[in-house]
């Protein structure tokens, strides 16, 4: 299992979303096929066939946990469980 799949499994598990590096989440989403758009500190991700837009902001070097919960909900709703 590669590091992207481990990170995806950790996000989908949803128990401990603190201390996940923003750069790792960004790399995961780009690898999954999401398109990134940056406006200031807001990073927006969209994917063809997925209605929801994912917004992420770094807080230091980590991603904000509440935004990771929203990402988790989007991934589960659209059955995106593989890298």
N, C-alpha and C. Protein backbone atom coordinates (compact mmCIF):
# COMPACT_ATOMS: atom_id res chain seq x y z
N UNK A 1 0.86 -1.17 0.00
CA UNK A 1 0.00 0.00 0.00
C UNK A 1 0.90 1.24 0.00
N UNK A 2 0.69 2.13 -0.95
CA UNK A 2 1.54 3.31 -1.01
C UNK A 2 1.05 4.40 -0.05
N UNK A 3 1.84 5.46 0.07
CA UNK A 3 1.53 6.50 1.05
C UNK A 3 0.24 7.24 0.73
N UNK A 4 -0.08 7.39 -0.57
CA UNK A 4 -1.33 8.06 -0.93
C UNK A 4 -2.54 7.24 -0.48
N UNK A 5 -2.48 5.94 -0.69
CA UNK A 5 -3.60 5.09 -0.27
C UNK A 5 -3.73 5.06 1.25
N UNK A 6 -2.60 5.06 1.97
CA UNK A 6 -2.65 5.10 3.44
C UNK A 6 -3.30 6.40 3.91
N UNK A 7 -2.93 7.52 3.28
CA UNK A 7 -3.52 8.80 3.65
C UNK A 7 -5.02 8.81 3.35
N UNK A 8 -5.40 8.30 2.19
CA UNK A 8 -6.81 8.23 1.83
C UNK A 8 -7.58 7.37 2.84
N UNK A 9 -7.02 6.24 3.23
CA UNK A 9 -7.67 5.39 4.23
C UNK A 9 -7.81 6.10 5.56
N UNK A 10 -6.80 6.88 5.95
CA UNK A 10 -6.86 7.63 7.21
C UNK A 10 -7.96 8.69 7.16
N UNK A 11 -8.09 9.37 6.02
CA UNK A 11 -9.15 10.38 5.89
C UNK A 11 -10.52 9.71 5.89
N UNK A 12 -10.66 8.61 5.16
CA UNK A 12 -11.95 7.91 5.10
C UNK A 12 -12.34 7.32 6.44
N UNK A 13 -11.35 6.92 7.24
CA UNK A 13 -11.61 6.40 8.58
C UNK A 13 -12.26 7.48 9.44
N UNK A 14 -11.75 8.70 9.36
CA UNK A 14 -12.39 9.84 10.00
C UNK A 14 -12.19 9.98 11.49
N UNK A 15 -11.41 9.13 12.12
CA UNK A 15 -11.26 9.22 13.57
C UNK A 15 -10.25 10.27 14.01
N UNK A 16 -9.13 10.38 13.31
CA UNK A 16 -8.10 11.33 13.71
C UNK A 16 -7.68 12.15 12.50
N UNK A 17 -8.33 13.29 12.32
CA UNK A 17 -8.04 14.13 11.17
C UNK A 17 -7.12 15.30 11.50
N UNK A 18 -6.63 15.35 12.73
CA UNK A 18 -5.68 16.40 13.10
C UNK A 18 -4.28 15.97 12.66
N UNK A 19 -3.43 16.92 12.46
CA UNK A 19 -2.02 16.69 12.14
C UNK A 19 -1.81 15.95 10.82
N UNK A 20 -2.64 16.24 9.83
CA UNK A 20 -2.43 15.72 8.49
C UNK A 20 -1.85 16.86 7.66
N UNK A 21 -0.71 16.61 7.05
CA UNK A 21 -0.01 17.67 6.32
C UNK A 21 -0.80 18.11 5.10
N UNK A 22 -0.89 19.43 4.93
CA UNK A 22 -1.60 20.02 3.81
C UNK A 22 -1.00 19.56 2.48
N UNK A 23 0.33 19.55 2.39
CA UNK A 23 1.00 19.16 1.14
C UNK A 23 0.65 17.72 0.76
N UNK A 24 0.50 16.85 1.74
CA UNK A 24 0.15 15.46 1.46
C UNK A 24 -1.28 15.34 0.92
N UNK A 25 -2.20 16.11 1.51
CA UNK A 25 -3.60 16.08 1.04
C UNK A 25 -3.68 16.65 -0.37
N UNK A 26 -2.95 17.74 -0.60
CA UNK A 26 -2.93 18.35 -1.93
C UNK A 26 -2.42 17.35 -2.97
N UNK A 27 -1.32 16.67 -2.67
CA UNK A 27 -0.75 15.69 -3.60
C UNK A 27 -1.73 14.54 -3.85
N UNK A 28 -2.43 14.12 -2.80
CA UNK A 28 -3.42 13.05 -2.93
C UNK A 28 -4.54 13.45 -3.89
N UNK A 29 -5.09 14.65 -3.69
CA UNK A 29 -6.21 15.09 -4.53
C UNK A 29 -5.79 15.26 -5.99
N UNK A 30 -4.61 15.81 -6.22
CA UNK A 30 -4.12 15.97 -7.60
C UNK A 30 -3.92 14.59 -8.23
N UNK A 31 -3.39 13.66 -7.47
CA UNK A 31 -3.18 12.30 -7.99
C UNK A 31 -4.50 11.60 -8.30
N UNK A 32 -5.55 11.91 -7.53
CA UNK A 32 -6.86 11.30 -7.76
C UNK A 32 -7.58 11.91 -8.96
N UNK A 33 -7.06 13.02 -9.50
CA UNK A 33 -7.66 13.62 -10.69
C UNK A 33 -8.40 14.91 -10.44
N UNK A 34 -8.31 15.47 -9.25
CA UNK A 34 -8.94 16.74 -8.97
C UNK A 34 -8.12 17.86 -9.60
N UNK A 35 -8.80 18.90 -10.09
CA UNK A 35 -8.13 20.08 -10.63
C UNK A 35 -8.05 21.12 -9.52
N UNK A 36 -6.88 21.73 -9.38
CA UNK A 36 -6.64 22.68 -8.30
C UNK A 36 -6.74 24.12 -8.81
N UNK A 37 -7.37 24.95 -8.00
CA UNK A 37 -7.43 26.39 -8.27
C UNK A 37 -7.07 27.10 -6.97
N UNK A 38 -6.14 28.03 -7.03
CA UNK A 38 -5.67 28.70 -5.82
C UNK A 38 -6.05 30.17 -5.88
N UNK A 39 -6.70 30.64 -4.81
CA UNK A 39 -7.04 32.06 -4.65
C UNK A 39 -6.61 32.45 -3.25
N UNK A 40 -5.45 33.09 -3.14
CA UNK A 40 -4.94 33.44 -1.82
C UNK A 40 -4.55 32.18 -1.07
N UNK A 41 -5.10 32.03 0.14
CA UNK A 41 -4.79 30.83 0.93
C UNK A 41 -5.80 29.71 0.69
N UNK A 42 -6.83 29.97 -0.10
CA UNK A 42 -7.85 28.96 -0.37
C UNK A 42 -7.46 28.14 -1.60
N UNK A 43 -7.46 26.84 -1.43
CA UNK A 43 -7.20 25.92 -2.53
C UNK A 43 -8.51 25.18 -2.79
N UNK A 44 -9.04 25.35 -4.00
CA UNK A 44 -10.30 24.70 -4.38
C UNK A 44 -10.00 23.56 -5.34
N UNK A 45 -10.70 22.46 -5.14
CA UNK A 45 -10.49 21.27 -5.96
C UNK A 45 -11.82 20.83 -6.54
N UNK A 46 -11.81 20.57 -7.86
CA UNK A 46 -13.00 20.08 -8.55
C UNK A 46 -12.59 18.87 -9.38
N UNK A 47 -13.57 18.02 -9.61
CA UNK A 47 -13.33 16.82 -10.42
C UNK A 47 -14.54 16.61 -11.32
N UNK A 48 -14.29 16.22 -12.55
CA UNK A 48 -15.37 15.93 -13.47
C UNK A 48 -16.24 14.81 -12.90
N UNK A 49 -17.54 15.01 -12.91
CA UNK A 49 -18.46 14.01 -12.39
C UNK A 49 -18.76 14.14 -10.91
N UNK A 50 -18.06 15.06 -10.23
CA UNK A 50 -18.29 15.28 -8.80
C UNK A 50 -18.88 16.68 -8.65
N UNK A 51 -20.09 16.75 -8.13
CA UNK A 51 -20.79 18.02 -8.01
C UNK A 51 -20.16 18.91 -6.94
N UNK A 52 -19.73 18.31 -5.84
CA UNK A 52 -19.20 19.07 -4.71
C UNK A 52 -17.81 19.62 -5.03
N UNK A 53 -17.55 20.81 -4.50
CA UNK A 53 -16.23 21.42 -4.60
C UNK A 53 -15.56 21.28 -3.24
N UNK A 54 -14.28 20.94 -3.23
CA UNK A 54 -13.53 20.76 -2.00
C UNK A 54 -12.65 21.98 -1.79
N UNK A 55 -12.77 22.63 -0.63
CA UNK A 55 -11.93 23.77 -0.27
C UNK A 55 -11.01 23.36 0.86
N UNK A 56 -9.74 23.72 0.73
CA UNK A 56 -8.76 23.45 1.77
C UNK A 56 -7.93 24.69 2.03
N UNK A 57 -7.55 24.87 3.28
CA UNK A 57 -6.65 25.94 3.67
C UNK A 57 -5.58 25.35 4.59
N UNK A 58 -4.34 25.78 4.40
CA UNK A 58 -3.32 25.34 5.36
C UNK A 58 -3.40 26.14 6.65
N UNK A 59 -3.11 25.49 7.74
CA UNK A 59 -2.95 26.17 9.03
C UNK A 59 -1.56 25.75 9.49
N UNK A 60 -0.59 26.59 9.24
CA UNK A 60 0.80 26.17 9.39
C UNK A 60 1.11 25.21 8.26
N UNK A 61 1.57 24.03 8.58
CA UNK A 61 1.85 23.03 7.54
C UNK A 61 0.76 21.97 7.45
N UNK A 62 -0.27 22.07 8.29
CA UNK A 62 -1.35 21.07 8.32
C UNK A 62 -2.61 21.59 7.64
N UNK A 63 -3.48 20.67 7.26
CA UNK A 63 -4.79 21.03 6.73
C UNK A 63 -5.76 21.18 7.90
N UNK A 64 -6.77 22.02 7.71
CA UNK A 64 -7.75 22.23 8.77
C UNK A 64 -8.64 21.00 8.91
N UNK A 65 -8.80 20.49 10.14
CA UNK A 65 -9.58 19.25 10.34
C UNK A 65 -11.03 19.34 9.87
N UNK A 66 -11.69 20.49 10.05
CA UNK A 66 -13.09 20.56 9.63
C UNK A 66 -13.20 20.47 8.11
N UNK A 67 -12.21 20.96 7.38
CA UNK A 67 -12.22 20.84 5.93
C UNK A 67 -11.91 19.41 5.49
N UNK A 68 -11.12 18.71 6.28
CA UNK A 68 -10.88 17.29 5.98
C UNK A 68 -12.14 16.47 6.22
N UNK A 69 -12.96 16.86 7.20
CA UNK A 69 -14.25 16.17 7.40
C UNK A 69 -15.16 16.39 6.19
N UNK A 70 -15.16 17.61 5.64
CA UNK A 70 -15.95 17.89 4.44
C UNK A 70 -15.43 17.09 3.25
N UNK A 71 -14.10 17.00 3.13
CA UNK A 71 -13.49 16.19 2.07
C UNK A 71 -13.91 14.73 2.22
N UNK A 72 -13.88 14.22 3.43
CA UNK A 72 -14.28 12.83 3.70
C UNK A 72 -15.71 12.59 3.25
N UNK A 73 -16.60 13.52 3.57
CA UNK A 73 -18.00 13.38 3.18
C UNK A 73 -18.13 13.34 1.65
N UNK A 74 -17.40 14.20 0.96
CA UNK A 74 -17.44 14.22 -0.51
C UNK A 74 -16.91 12.91 -1.09
N UNK A 75 -15.81 12.43 -0.56
CA UNK A 75 -15.23 11.17 -1.06
C UNK A 75 -16.18 10.00 -0.85
N UNK A 76 -16.83 9.95 0.31
CA UNK A 76 -17.77 8.86 0.58
C UNK A 76 -19.03 8.96 -0.27
N UNK A 77 -19.54 10.18 -0.46
CA UNK A 77 -20.76 10.37 -1.26
C UNK A 77 -20.56 9.96 -2.71
N UNK A 78 -19.35 10.13 -3.23
CA UNK A 78 -19.08 9.83 -4.63
C UNK A 78 -18.27 8.54 -4.80
N UNK A 79 -18.13 7.78 -3.73
CA UNK A 79 -17.47 6.47 -3.75
C UNK A 79 -16.06 6.54 -4.34
N UNK A 80 -15.29 7.53 -3.90
CA UNK A 80 -13.91 7.70 -4.34
C UNK A 80 -13.00 7.13 -3.26
N UNK A 81 -12.72 5.84 -3.34
CA UNK A 81 -11.96 5.15 -2.30
C UNK A 81 -10.62 4.63 -2.78
N UNK A 82 -10.28 4.85 -4.03
CA UNK A 82 -9.01 4.37 -4.59
C UNK A 82 -8.21 5.54 -5.15
N UNK A 83 -6.89 5.41 -5.04
CA UNK A 83 -6.00 6.44 -5.59
C UNK A 83 -5.74 6.14 -7.03
